[in-house]
Amino acid sequence: MLNEVKAVLSRSSATIWQDVAGGCALMVVLIGALHFPGII
């Protein structure tokens, strides 16, 4: 299984960072949306 993960990461190394950045952006938006009602 570890070999499969390494193979997938080596094949998709160009897009994996974009996926990570997109996931982080979604989490920031979610946390911001959850805290927004408390600000008003």
PDB file of N, CA and C in Angstrom:
ATOM      1  N   MET A   1       0.825  -1.196   0.000  1.00  0.00           N
ATOM      2  CA  MET A   1       0.000   0.000   0.000  1.00  0.00           C
ATOM      3  C   MET A   1       0.867   1.257   0.000  1.00  0.00           C
ATOM      4  N   LEU A   2       1.947   1.209   0.751  1.00  0.00           N
ATOM      5  CA  LEU A   2       2.841   2.370   0.789  1.00  0.00           C
ATOM      6  C   LEU A   2       3.453   2.623  -0.584  1.00  0.00           C
ATOM      7  N   ASN A   3       3.761   1.549  -1.303  1.00  0.00           N
ATOM      8  CA  ASN A   3       4.307   1.701  -2.654  1.00  0.00           C
ATOM      9  C   ASN A   3       3.281   2.335  -3.590  1.00  0.00           C
ATOM     10  N   GLU A   4       2.018   1.976  -3.421  1.00  0.00           N
ATOM     11  CA  GLU A   4       0.965   2.563  -4.253  1.00  0.00           C
ATOM     12  C   GLU A   4       0.824   4.047  -3.978  1.00  0.00           C
ATOM     13  N   VAL A   5       0.891   4.434  -2.708  1.00  0.00           N
ATOM     14  CA  VAL A   5       0.795   5.855  -2.351  1.00  0.00           C
ATOM     15  C   VAL A   5       1.970   6.618  -2.942  1.00  0.00           C
ATOM     16  N   LYS A   6       3.162   6.049  -2.856  1.00  0.00           N
ATOM     17  CA  LYS A   6       4.335   6.709  -3.434  1.00  0.00           C
ATOM     18  C   LYS A   6       4.199   6.848  -4.942  1.00  0.00           C
ATOM     19  N   ALA A   7       3.657   5.830  -5.602  1.00  0.00           N
ATOM     20  CA  ALA A   7       3.482   5.886  -7.057  1.00  0.00           C
ATOM     21  C   ALA A   7       2.469   6.959  -7.444  1.00  0.00           C
ATOM     22  N   VAL A   8       1.380   7.024  -6.684  1.00  0.00           N
ATOM     23  CA  VAL A   8       0.361   8.047  -6.985  1.00  0.00           C
ATOM     24  C   VAL A   8       0.924   9.437  -6.771  1.00  0.00           C
ATOM     25  N   LEU A   9       1.658   9.635  -5.685  1.00  0.00           N
ATOM     26  CA  LEU A   9       2.238  10.957  -5.412  1.00  0.00           C
ATOM     27  C   LEU A   9       3.277  11.338  -6.457  1.00  0.00           C
ATOM     28  N   SER A  10       4.041  10.382  -6.951  1.00  0.00           N
ATOM     29  CA  SER A  10       5.050  10.700  -7.962  1.00  0.00           C
ATOM     30  C   SER A  10       4.402  11.036  -9.303  1.00  0.00           C
ATOM     31  N   ARG A  11       3.273  10.400  -9.607  1.00  0.00           N
ATOM     32  CA  ARG A  11       2.590  10.688 -10.875  1.00  0.00           C
ATOM     33  C   ARG A  11       1.835  12.017 -10.834  1.00  0.00           C
ATOM     34  N   SER A  12       1.312  12.372  -9.662  1.00  0.00           N
ATOM     35  CA  SER A  12       0.453  13.558  -9.587  1.00  0.00           C
ATOM     36  C   SER A  12       1.092  14.660  -8.752  1.00  0.00           C
ATOM     37  N   SER A  13       2.396  14.729  -8.751  1.00  0.00           N
ATOM     38  CA  SER A  13       3.065  15.732  -7.909  1.00  0.00           C
ATOM     39  C   SER A  13       2.766  17.156  -8.368  1.00  0.00           C
ATOM     40  N   ALA A  14       2.432  17.336  -9.637  1.00  0.00           N
ATOM     41  CA  ALA A  14       2.148  18.686 -10.134  1.00  0.00           C
ATOM     42  C   ALA A  14       0.819  19.212  -9.610  1.00  0.00           C
ATOM     43  N   THR A  15      -0.145  18.333  -9.422  1.00  0.00           N
ATOM     44  CA  THR A  15      -1.472  18.796  -9.015  1.00  0.00           C
ATOM     45  C   THR A  15      -1.760  18.583  -7.541  1.00  0.00           C
ATOM     46  N   ILE A  16      -0.924  17.819  -6.838  1.00  0.00           N
ATOM     47  CA  ILE A  16      -1.215  17.532  -5.434  1.00  0.00           C
ATOM     48  C   ILE A  16      -1.168  18.803  -4.598  1.00  0.00           C
ATOM     49  N   TRP A  17      -0.272  19.717  -4.926  1.00  0.00           N
ATOM     50  CA  TRP A  17      -0.184  20.957  -4.142  1.00  0.00           C
ATOM     51  C   TRP A  17      -1.377  21.858  -4.409  1.00  0.00           C
ATOM     52  N   GLN A  18      -1.907  21.807  -5.618  1.00  0.00           N
ATOM     53  CA  GLN A  18      -3.124  22.565  -5.907  1.00  0.00           C
ATOM     54  C   GLN A  18      -4.302  21.998  -5.132  1.00  0.00           C
ATOM     55  N   ASP A  19      -4.369  20.682  -5.004  1.00  0.00           N
ATOM     56  CA  ASP A  19      -5.431  20.054  -4.228  1.00  0.00           C
ATOM     57  C   ASP A  19      -5.316  20.409  -2.745  1.00  0.00           C
ATOM     58  N   VAL A  20      -4.098  20.418  -2.238  1.00  0.00           N
ATOM     59  CA  VAL A  20      -3.882  20.783  -0.837  1.00  0.00           C
ATOM     60  C   VAL A  20      -4.265  22.244  -0.607  1.00  0.00           C
ATOM     61  N   ALA A  21      -3.877  23.122  -1.519  1.00  0.00           N
ATOM     62  CA  ALA A  21      -4.222  24.535  -1.385  1.00  0.00           C
ATOM     63  C   ALA A  21      -5.737  24.737  -1.458  1.00  0.00           C
ATOM     64  N   GLY A  22      -6.403  24.009  -2.333  1.00  0.00           N
ATOM     65  CA  GLY A  22      -7.853  24.100  -2.431  1.00  0.00           C
ATOM     66  C   GLY A  22      -8.537  23.619  -1.173  1.00  0.00           C
ATOM     67  N   GLY A  23      -8.054  22.541  -0.597  1.00  0.00           N
ATOM     68  CA  GLY A  23      -8.622  22.038   0.653  1.00  0.00           C
ATOM     69  C   GLY A  23      -8.432  23.020   1.795  1.00  0.00           C
ATOM     70  N   CYS A  24      -7.260  23.626   1.863  1.00  0.00           N
ATOM     71  CA  CYS A  24      -7.009  24.633   2.906  1.00  0.00           C
ATOM     72  C   CYS A  24      -7.893  25.849   2.712  1.00  0.00           C
ATOM     73  N   ALA A  25      -8.090  26.267   1.479  1.00  0.00           N
ATOM     74  CA  ALA A  25      -8.955  27.406   1.207  1.00  0.00           C
ATOM     75  C   ALA A  25     -10.401  27.107   1.611  1.00  0.00           C
ATOM     76  N   LEU A  26     -10.859  25.893   1.343  1.00  0.00           N
ATOM     77  CA  LEU A  26     -12.211  25.513   1.754  1.00  0.00           C
ATOM     78  C   LEU A  26     -12.352  25.522   3.272  1.00  0.00           C
ATOM     79  N   MET A  27     -11.331  25.063   3.976  1.00  0.00           N
ATOM     80  CA  MET A  27     -11.393  25.071   5.435  1.00  0.00           C
ATOM     81  C   MET A  27     -11.409  26.498   5.984  1.00  0.00           C
ATOM     82  N   VAL A  28     -10.635  27.395   5.382  1.00  0.00           N
ATOM     83  CA  VAL A  28     -10.622  28.788   5.814  1.00  0.00           C
ATOM     84  C   VAL A  28     -11.987  29.426   5.594  1.00  0.00           C
ATOM     85  N   VAL A  29     -12.598  29.155   4.449  1.00  0.00           N
ATOM     86  CA  VAL A  29     -13.924  29.697   4.158  1.00  0.00           C
ATOM     87  C   VAL A  29     -14.952  29.131   5.137  1.00  0.00           C
ATOM     88  N   LEU A  30     -14.878  27.842   5.425  1.00  0.00           N
ATOM     89  CA  LEU A  30     -15.818  27.228   6.363  1.00  0.00           C
ATOM     90  C   LEU A  30     -15.681  27.828   7.758  1.00  0.00           C
ATOM     91  N   ILE A  31     -14.454  27.940   8.240  1.00  0.00           N
ATOM     92  CA  ILE A  31     -14.236  28.508   9.577  1.00  0.00           C
ATOM     93  C   ILE A  31     -14.683  29.968   9.610  1.00  0.00           C
ATOM     94  N   GLY A  32     -14.382  30.714   8.552  1.00  0.00           N
ATOM     95  CA  GLY A  32     -14.830  32.101   8.486  1.00  0.00           C
ATOM     96  C   GLY A  32     -16.345  32.217   8.479  1.00  0.00           C
ATOM     97  N   ALA A  33     -17.002  31.343   7.747  1.00  0.00           N
ATOM     98  CA  ALA A  33     -18.468  31.376   7.689  1.00  0.00           C
ATOM     99  C   ALA A  33     -19.080  31.006   9.026  1.00  0.00           C
ATOM    100  N   LEU A  34     -18.462  30.103   9.747  1.00  0.00           N
ATOM    101  CA  LEU A  34     -18.985  29.713  11.061  1.00  0.00           C
ATOM    102  C   LEU A  34     -18.780  30.806  12.104  1.00  0.00           C
ATOM    103  N   HIS A  35     -17.731  31.608  11.966  1.00  0.00           N
ATOM    104  CA  HIS A  35     -17.483  32.676  12.922  1.00  0.00           C
ATOM    105  C   HIS A  35     -18.152  33.984  12.516  1.00  0.00           C
ATOM    106  N   PHE A  36     -18.593  34.101  11.297  1.00  0.00           N
ATOM    107  CA  PHE A  36     -19.172  35.357  10.806  1.00  0.00           C
ATOM    108  C   PHE A  36     -20.412  35.776  11.586  1.00  0.00           C
ATOM    109  N   PRO A  37     -21.343  34.880  11.915  1.00  0.00           N
ATOM    110  CA  PRO A  37     -22.520  35.322  12.686  1.00  0.00           C
ATOM    111  C   PRO A  37     -22.158  35.877  14.062  1.00  0.00           C
ATOM    112  N   GLY A  38     -21.085  35.423  14.659  1.00  0.00           N
ATOM    113  CA  GLY A  38     -20.668  35.934  15.972  1.00  0.00           C
ATOM    114  C   GLY A  38     -20.101  37.324  15.896  1.00  0.00           C
ATOM    115  N   ILE A  39     -19.629  37.731  14.729  1.00  0.00           N
ATOM    116  CA  ILE A  39     -19.036  39.063  14.569  1.00  0.00           C
ATOM    117  C   ILE A  39     -20.120  40.127  14.493  1.00  0.00           C
ATOM    118  N   ILE A  40     -21.228  39.782  13.862  1.00  0.00           N
ATOM    119  CA  ILE A  40     -22.302  40.765  13.662  1.00  0.00           C
ATOM    120  C   ILE A  40     -23.063  40.997  14.953  1.00  0.00           C
TER     121      ILE A  40
END
